[in-house]
Amino acid sequence: RRSKISSPLLPASLSHHSVFVVAEILMQKTTKQLAILSKPFTPLKGLTDHSKMTAGMAPKAMYRMMLRQANQMTDYNFRMYSIRRVKAGFRTNQKLQGDEAKAALEEGERQLQVLQRQVILGKLYPSARSVMEMPNPV
């Protein structure tokens, strides 16, 4: 006969075997999530070769990609901050030309990778919904 586990975190009906099964499932899930995080990012497939694009295509594509990533943030405050930050960053750099524009695009690629990692981390560790996201009572 298996003994029951007394823990404030687990229901009293779980046996030792059940705890090991739950732990194994959690470990597999964590291993998969860590594998996702350890993959190298390739955010701009086809966009790193800027010679094939017109001058306005790469910034527009990056802007759309960054806004798409920012909209995927799970936390309301982080999502709104990242959307504001993307818009403000592109607004301040829209007049750049030549080497300054290339440097800004490279920095944008790095920031896009940061956004992608933050989206993954946000999905790994979700938080409660913000009051701003709650439907308004009628």
N, C-alpha and C. Protein backbone atom coordinates (compact mmCIF):
# COMPACT_ATOMS: atom_id res chain seq x y z
N ARG A 1 0.84 -1.18 0.00
CA ARG A 1 0.00 0.00 0.00
C ARG A 1 0.89 1.24 0.00
N ARG A 2 0.54 2.20 -0.85
CA ARG A 2 1.34 3.42 -0.95
C ARG A 2 0.90 4.42 0.10
N SER A 3 1.86 5.11 0.62
CA SER A 3 1.54 6.13 1.63
C SER A 3 1.15 7.42 0.93
N LYS A 4 0.34 8.19 1.58
CA LYS A 4 -0.09 9.48 1.06
C LYS A 4 0.92 10.54 1.45
N ILE A 5 1.01 11.55 0.63
CA ILE A 5 1.95 12.64 0.89
C ILE A 5 1.19 13.77 1.57
N SER A 6 1.79 14.30 2.61
CA SER A 6 1.15 15.44 3.25
C SER A 6 1.99 16.68 2.95
N SER A 7 1.46 17.49 2.09
CA SER A 7 2.14 18.72 1.71
C SER A 7 1.08 19.78 1.48
N PRO A 8 1.35 21.01 1.90
CA PRO A 8 0.35 22.05 1.68
C PRO A 8 0.20 22.41 0.19
N LEU A 9 1.18 22.03 -0.63
CA LEU A 9 1.14 22.37 -2.04
C LEU A 9 0.43 21.33 -2.89
N LEU A 10 0.31 20.10 -2.39
CA LEU A 10 -0.27 19.02 -3.17
C LEU A 10 -1.54 18.51 -2.51
N PRO A 11 -2.50 18.07 -3.31
CA PRO A 11 -3.70 17.48 -2.72
C PRO A 11 -3.34 16.20 -1.95
N ALA A 12 -4.10 15.91 -0.92
CA ALA A 12 -3.82 14.75 -0.08
C ALA A 12 -4.02 13.44 -0.82
N SER A 13 -4.77 13.44 -1.93
CA SER A 13 -5.07 12.20 -2.64
C SER A 13 -3.93 11.73 -3.54
N LEU A 14 -2.89 12.50 -3.70
CA LEU A 14 -1.79 12.09 -4.57
C LEU A 14 -0.89 11.07 -3.88
N SER A 15 -0.54 10.03 -4.61
CA SER A 15 0.41 9.06 -4.09
C SER A 15 1.81 9.47 -4.52
N HIS A 16 2.82 8.75 -4.02
CA HIS A 16 4.20 9.04 -4.42
C HIS A 16 4.35 8.89 -5.93
N HIS A 17 3.74 7.86 -6.49
CA HIS A 17 3.83 7.62 -7.93
C HIS A 17 3.26 8.81 -8.71
N SER A 18 2.13 9.33 -8.27
CA SER A 18 1.50 10.46 -8.96
C SER A 18 2.39 11.69 -8.93
N VAL A 19 3.06 11.90 -7.81
CA VAL A 19 3.95 13.04 -7.69
C VAL A 19 5.10 12.91 -8.68
N PHE A 20 5.64 11.71 -8.84
CA PHE A 20 6.73 11.51 -9.78
C PHE A 20 6.27 11.70 -11.22
N VAL A 21 5.07 11.27 -11.52
CA VAL A 21 4.53 11.46 -12.87
C VAL A 21 4.35 12.95 -13.14
N VAL A 22 3.79 13.69 -12.19
CA VAL A 22 3.60 15.13 -12.35
C VAL A 22 4.95 15.82 -12.50
N ALA A 23 5.93 15.44 -11.68
CA ALA A 23 7.27 16.03 -11.77
C ALA A 23 7.91 15.73 -13.12
N GLU A 24 7.73 14.52 -13.62
CA GLU A 24 8.30 14.17 -14.91
C GLU A 24 7.66 14.98 -16.04
N ILE A 25 6.36 15.19 -15.99
CA ILE A 25 5.66 15.98 -17.01
C ILE A 25 6.16 17.43 -16.97
N LEU A 26 6.28 17.97 -15.76
CA LEU A 26 6.77 19.34 -15.63
C LEU A 26 8.20 19.47 -16.14
N MET A 27 9.03 18.48 -15.87
CA MET A 27 10.41 18.51 -16.32
C MET A 27 10.48 18.44 -17.85
N GLN A 28 9.63 17.62 -18.48
CA GLN A 28 9.61 17.55 -19.94
C GLN A 28 9.19 18.88 -20.53
N LYS A 29 8.19 19.49 -19.93
CA LYS A 29 7.71 20.78 -20.43
C LYS A 29 8.82 21.83 -20.31
N THR A 30 9.49 21.85 -19.16
CA THR A 30 10.57 22.80 -18.96
C THR A 30 11.71 22.55 -19.93
N THR A 31 12.03 21.29 -20.20
CA THR A 31 13.09 20.96 -21.14
C THR A 31 12.74 21.46 -22.53
N LYS A 32 11.49 21.30 -22.95
CA LYS A 32 11.07 21.80 -24.26
C LYS A 32 11.17 23.32 -24.32
N GLN A 33 10.76 23.98 -23.24
CA GLN A 33 10.81 25.44 -23.23
C GLN A 33 12.25 25.93 -23.24
N LEU A 34 13.14 25.25 -22.53
CA LEU A 34 14.54 25.63 -22.55
C LEU A 34 15.14 25.40 -23.93
N ALA A 35 14.70 24.35 -24.62
CA ALA A 35 15.18 24.11 -25.97
C ALA A 35 14.76 25.23 -26.90
N ILE A 36 13.56 25.76 -26.72
CA ILE A 36 13.10 26.88 -27.53
C ILE A 36 13.97 28.10 -27.26
N LEU A 37 14.28 28.36 -25.99
CA LEU A 37 15.09 29.52 -25.65
C LEU A 37 16.52 29.41 -26.14
N SER A 38 17.05 28.18 -26.25
CA SER A 38 18.44 28.02 -26.63
C SER A 38 18.65 28.06 -28.14
N LYS A 39 17.57 28.03 -28.93
CA LYS A 39 17.71 28.10 -30.39
C LYS A 39 18.19 29.50 -30.78
N PRO A 40 19.07 29.57 -31.78
CA PRO A 40 19.49 30.89 -32.25
C PRO A 40 18.34 31.58 -32.98
N PHE A 41 18.24 32.88 -32.80
CA PHE A 41 17.18 33.63 -33.44
C PHE A 41 17.59 34.01 -34.86
N THR A 42 16.68 33.88 -35.78
CA THR A 42 16.87 34.37 -37.15
C THR A 42 15.65 35.22 -37.48
N PRO A 43 15.59 36.42 -36.91
CA PRO A 43 14.37 37.20 -37.02
C PRO A 43 14.10 37.77 -38.40
N LEU A 44 15.14 38.08 -39.15
CA LEU A 44 14.93 38.78 -40.40
C LEU A 44 15.42 37.94 -41.58
N LYS A 45 14.79 36.81 -41.80
CA LYS A 45 15.17 35.99 -42.94
C LYS A 45 14.93 36.78 -44.22
N GLY A 46 15.96 36.92 -45.00
CA GLY A 46 15.83 37.65 -46.26
C GLY A 46 16.00 39.15 -46.12
N LEU A 47 15.93 39.67 -44.92
CA LEU A 47 16.05 41.11 -44.75
C LEU A 47 17.48 41.55 -44.46
N THR A 48 18.35 40.63 -44.10
CA THR A 48 19.71 41.03 -43.80
C THR A 48 20.49 41.39 -45.06
N ASP A 49 20.04 40.93 -46.23
CA ASP A 49 20.65 41.33 -47.48
C ASP A 49 19.91 42.57 -47.98
N HIS A 50 20.40 43.73 -47.57
CA HIS A 50 19.71 44.98 -47.88
C HIS A 50 19.93 45.44 -49.31
N SER A 51 20.84 44.79 -50.05
CA SER A 51 21.14 45.23 -51.41
C SER A 51 19.97 44.98 -52.36
N LYS A 52 19.12 43.98 -52.08
CA LYS A 52 18.02 43.64 -52.97
C LYS A 52 16.77 44.48 -52.69
N MET A 53 16.82 45.32 -51.66
CA MET A 53 15.63 46.07 -51.27
C MET A 53 15.79 47.53 -51.63
N THR A 54 14.66 48.16 -51.77
CA THR A 54 14.69 49.60 -51.93
C THR A 54 14.99 50.21 -50.56
N ALA A 55 15.27 51.49 -50.56
CA ALA A 55 15.68 52.15 -49.31
C ALA A 55 14.61 52.09 -48.24
N GLY A 56 13.33 52.11 -48.62
CA GLY A 56 12.27 52.15 -47.63
C GLY A 56 11.73 50.80 -47.22
N MET A 57 12.10 49.71 -47.93
CA MET A 57 11.52 48.41 -47.63
C MET A 57 11.99 47.83 -46.31
N ALA A 58 13.29 47.83 -46.05
CA ALA A 58 13.81 47.21 -44.84
C ALA A 58 13.29 47.88 -43.57
N PRO A 59 13.31 49.21 -43.48
CA PRO A 59 12.76 49.82 -42.26
C PRO A 59 11.28 49.54 -42.06
N LYS A 60 10.51 49.55 -43.13
CA LYS A 60 9.09 49.28 -43.01
C LYS A 60 8.84 47.85 -42.55
N ALA A 61 9.58 46.91 -43.13
CA ALA A 61 9.42 45.51 -42.74
C ALA A 61 9.81 45.31 -41.29
N MET A 62 10.91 45.94 -40.88
CA MET A 62 11.35 45.81 -39.49
C MET A 62 10.33 46.44 -38.54
N TYR A 63 9.79 47.59 -38.93
CA TYR A 63 8.77 48.26 -38.11
C TYR A 63 7.57 47.34 -37.90
N ARG A 64 7.10 46.73 -38.99
CA ARG A 64 5.95 45.82 -38.88
C ARG A 64 6.28 44.61 -38.01
N MET A 65 7.49 44.06 -38.19
CA MET A 65 7.88 42.89 -37.39
C MET A 65 7.98 43.24 -35.91
N MET A 66 8.55 44.40 -35.62
CA MET A 66 8.70 44.80 -34.22
C MET A 66 7.33 45.07 -33.58
N LEU A 67 6.43 45.71 -34.32
CA LEU A 67 5.09 45.93 -33.77
C LEU A 67 4.36 44.60 -33.57
N ARG A 68 4.54 43.67 -34.49
CA ARG A 68 3.91 42.35 -34.35
C ARG A 68 4.42 41.65 -33.09
N GLN A 69 5.74 41.71 -32.87
CA GLN A 69 6.31 41.09 -31.67
C GLN A 69 5.83 41.80 -30.41
N ALA A 70 5.79 43.13 -30.46
CA ALA A 70 5.35 43.89 -29.28
C ALA A 70 3.90 43.56 -28.93
N ASN A 71 3.07 43.35 -29.94
CA ASN A 71 1.67 43.01 -29.69
C ASN A 71 1.50 41.62 -29.10
N GLN A 72 2.51 40.78 -29.20
CA GLN A 72 2.41 39.43 -28.65
C GLN A 72 2.80 39.36 -27.18
N MET A 73 3.26 40.45 -26.61
CA MET A 73 3.61 40.45 -25.18
C MET A 73 2.36 40.15 -24.37
N THR A 74 2.49 39.30 -23.36
CA THR A 74 1.32 38.88 -22.60
C THR A 74 0.92 39.91 -21.54
N ASP A 75 1.87 40.60 -20.96
CA ASP A 75 1.58 41.58 -19.92
C ASP A 75 1.19 42.91 -20.55
N TYR A 76 0.10 43.49 -20.11
CA TYR A 76 -0.43 44.73 -20.69
C TYR A 76 0.60 45.87 -20.63
N ASN A 77 1.21 46.07 -19.47
CA ASN A 77 2.14 47.19 -19.31
C ASN A 77 3.36 47.03 -20.20
N PHE A 78 3.92 45.83 -20.26
CA PHE A 78 5.07 45.59 -21.14
C PHE A 78 4.68 45.76 -22.60
N ARG A 79 3.48 45.28 -22.95
CA ARG A 79 3.01 45.39 -24.34
C ARG A 79 2.87 46.85 -24.76
N MET A 80 2.21 47.65 -23.93
CA MET A 80 2.00 49.05 -24.28
C MET A 80 3.33 49.81 -24.31
N TYR A 81 4.22 49.51 -23.36
CA TYR A 81 5.53 50.17 -23.35
C TYR A 81 6.31 49.84 -24.60
N SER A 82 6.33 48.55 -24.98
CA SER A 82 7.13 48.17 -26.15
C SER A 82 6.54 48.75 -27.43
N ILE A 83 5.23 48.84 -27.54
CA ILE A 83 4.62 49.46 -28.72
C ILE A 83 4.99 50.94 -28.78
N ARG A 84 4.89 51.65 -27.64
CA ARG A 84 5.28 53.07 -27.62
C ARG A 84 6.74 53.24 -27.97
N ARG A 85 7.58 52.34 -27.44
CA ARG A 85 9.03 52.44 -27.66
C ARG A 85 9.39 52.19 -29.12
N VAL A 86 8.75 51.22 -29.75
CA VAL A 86 9.00 50.94 -31.17
C VAL A 86 8.60 52.15 -32.01
N LYS A 87 7.41 52.69 -31.77
CA LYS A 87 6.95 53.84 -32.55
C LYS A 87 7.86 55.05 -32.35
N ALA A 88 8.24 55.31 -31.11
CA ALA A 88 9.10 56.47 -30.83
C ALA A 88 10.49 56.28 -31.45
N GLY A 89 11.03 55.07 -31.38
CA GLY A 89 12.34 54.81 -31.96
C GLY A 89 12.36 55.01 -33.46
N PHE A 90 11.34 54.55 -34.13
CA PHE A 90 11.29 54.74 -35.58
C PHE A 90 11.01 56.20 -35.93
N ARG A 91 10.24 56.88 -35.12
CA ARG A 91 9.96 58.29 -35.38
C ARG A 91 11.23 59.12 -35.28
N THR A 92 12.07 58.84 -34.27
CA THR A 92 13.30 59.62 -34.10
C THR A 92 14.34 59.29 -35.17
N ASN A 93 14.31 58.07 -35.71
CA ASN A 93 15.33 57.67 -36.68
C ASN A 93 14.86 57.74 -38.13
N GLN A 94 13.71 58.29 -38.40
CA GLN A 94 13.18 58.24 -39.76
C GLN A 94 13.95 59.12 -40.74
N LYS A 95 14.68 60.10 -40.28
CA LYS A 95 15.43 61.00 -41.17
C LYS A 95 16.86 60.53 -41.43
N LEU A 96 17.28 59.43 -40.83
CA LEU A 96 18.66 58.96 -40.99
C LEU A 96 18.90 58.45 -42.40
N GLN A 97 20.14 58.62 -42.87
CA GLN A 97 20.53 58.14 -44.19
C GLN A 97 21.94 57.57 -44.13
N GLY A 98 22.26 56.71 -45.10
CA GLY A 98 23.61 56.18 -45.24
C GLY A 98 24.00 55.24 -44.13
N ASP A 99 25.22 55.47 -43.60
CA ASP A 99 25.77 54.58 -42.57
C ASP A 99 24.97 54.65 -41.27
N GLU A 100 24.46 55.84 -40.97
CA GLU A 100 23.65 55.98 -39.75
C GLU A 100 22.39 55.12 -39.85
N ALA A 101 21.79 55.08 -41.03
CA ALA A 101 20.58 54.28 -41.22
C ALA A 101 20.90 52.79 -41.11
N LYS A 102 22.05 52.37 -41.66
CA LYS A 102 22.46 50.96 -41.54
C LYS A 102 22.69 50.59 -40.09
N ALA A 103 23.35 51.48 -39.35
CA ALA A 103 23.61 51.21 -37.93
C ALA A 103 22.30 51.13 -37.16
N ALA A 104 21.36 52.00 -37.50
CA ALA A 104 20.06 51.97 -36.83
C ALA A 104 19.31 50.68 -37.15
N LEU A 105 19.41 50.19 -38.40
CA LEU A 105 18.77 48.93 -38.76
C LEU A 105 19.39 47.75 -38.01
N GLU A 106 20.71 47.77 -37.87
CA GLU A 106 21.38 46.69 -37.12
C GLU A 106 20.96 46.72 -35.66
N GLU A 107 20.86 47.91 -35.09
CA GLU A 107 20.39 48.03 -33.70
C GLU A 107 18.94 47.56 -33.61
N GLY A 108 18.15 47.87 -34.63
CA GLY A 108 16.77 47.41 -34.66
C GLY A 108 16.68 45.89 -34.69
N GLU A 109 17.57 45.24 -35.43
CA GLU A 109 17.59 43.77 -35.46
C GLU A 109 17.89 43.21 -34.08
N ARG A 110 18.85 43.83 -33.38
CA ARG A 110 19.17 43.38 -32.02
C ARG A 110 17.96 43.59 -31.09
N GLN A 111 17.29 44.71 -31.23
CA GLN A 111 16.13 44.98 -30.39
C GLN A 111 14.97 44.05 -30.71
N LEU A 112 14.86 43.65 -31.97
CA LEU A 112 13.83 42.69 -32.36
C LEU A 112 14.10 41.34 -31.70
N GLN A 113 15.37 40.95 -31.65
CA GLN A 113 15.72 39.70 -30.97
C GLN A 113 15.39 39.77 -29.48
N VAL A 114 15.63 40.92 -28.87
CA VAL A 114 15.28 41.10 -27.45
C VAL A 114 13.78 40.98 -27.27
N LEU A 115 13.01 41.61 -28.16
CA LEU A 115 11.55 41.51 -28.08
C LEU A 115 11.09 40.07 -28.21
N GLN A 116 11.70 39.32 -29.13
CA GLN A 116 11.32 37.92 -29.31
C GLN A 116 11.58 37.11 -28.05
N ARG A 117 12.74 37.34 -27.43
CA ARG A 117 13.05 36.61 -26.19
C ARG A 117 12.08 36.99 -25.08
N GLN A 118 11.73 38.27 -24.99
CA GLN A 118 10.79 38.70 -23.96
C GLN A 118 9.42 38.10 -24.16
N VAL A 119 8.99 37.96 -25.42
CA VAL A 119 7.70 37.34 -25.71
C VAL A 119 7.71 35.89 -25.24
N ILE A 120 8.80 35.18 -25.52
CA ILE A 120 8.90 33.78 -25.09
C ILE A 120 8.87 33.69 -23.58
N LEU A 121 9.65 34.55 -22.91
CA LEU A 121 9.66 34.52 -21.45
C LEU A 121 8.30 34.88 -20.87
N GLY A 122 7.62 35.81 -21.50
CA GLY A 122 6.28 36.18 -21.03
C GLY A 122 5.31 35.03 -21.14
N LYS A 123 5.48 34.21 -22.18
CA LYS A 123 4.60 33.05 -22.35
C LYS A 123 4.98 31.94 -21.38
N LEU A 124 6.26 31.85 -21.02
CA LEU A 124 6.68 30.83 -20.05
C LEU A 124 6.17 31.14 -18.65
N TYR A 125 6.16 32.41 -18.29
CA TYR A 125 5.76 32.84 -16.96
C TYR A 125 4.64 33.87 -17.07
N PRO A 126 3.43 33.43 -17.37
CA PRO A 126 2.33 34.39 -17.54
C PRO A 126 1.95 35.05 -16.22
N SER A 127 1.43 36.26 -16.34
CA SER A 127 0.98 36.99 -15.15
C SER A 127 -0.53 37.17 -15.24
N ALA A 128 -1.11 37.66 -14.17
CA ALA A 128 -2.55 37.91 -14.15
C ALA A 128 -2.88 39.05 -15.11
N ARG A 129 -4.10 39.05 -15.60
CA ARG A 129 -4.53 40.11 -16.51
C ARG A 129 -4.60 41.43 -15.76
N SER A 130 -4.25 42.48 -16.46
CA SER A 130 -4.29 43.82 -15.89
C SER A 130 -5.73 44.32 -15.83
N VAL A 131 -5.97 45.27 -14.98
CA VAL A 131 -7.29 45.88 -14.88
C VAL A 131 -7.64 46.56 -16.20
N MET A 132 -6.65 47.04 -16.92
CA MET A 132 -6.87 47.72 -18.19
C MET A 132 -7.40 46.75 -19.25
N GLU A 133 -7.15 45.47 -19.09
CA GLU A 133 -7.60 44.48 -20.06
C GLU A 133 -8.97 43.89 -19.73
N MET A 134 -9.46 44.17 -18.56
CA MET A 134 -10.76 43.64 -18.14
C MET A 134 -11.87 44.32 -18.93
N PRO A 135 -12.92 43.57 -19.27
CA PRO A 135 -14.05 44.21 -19.98
C PRO A 135 -14.75 45.20 -19.05
N ASN A 136 -15.24 46.27 -19.64
CA ASN A 136 -15.94 47.29 -18.84
C ASN A 136 -17.32 46.78 -18.43
N PRO A 137 -17.68 46.93 -17.15
CA PRO A 137 -19.04 46.55 -16.75
C PRO A 137 -20.05 47.54 -17.32
N VAL A 138 -21.15 47.02 -17.76
CA VAL A 138 -22.18 47.86 -18.39
C VAL A 138 -23.15 48.37 -17.36
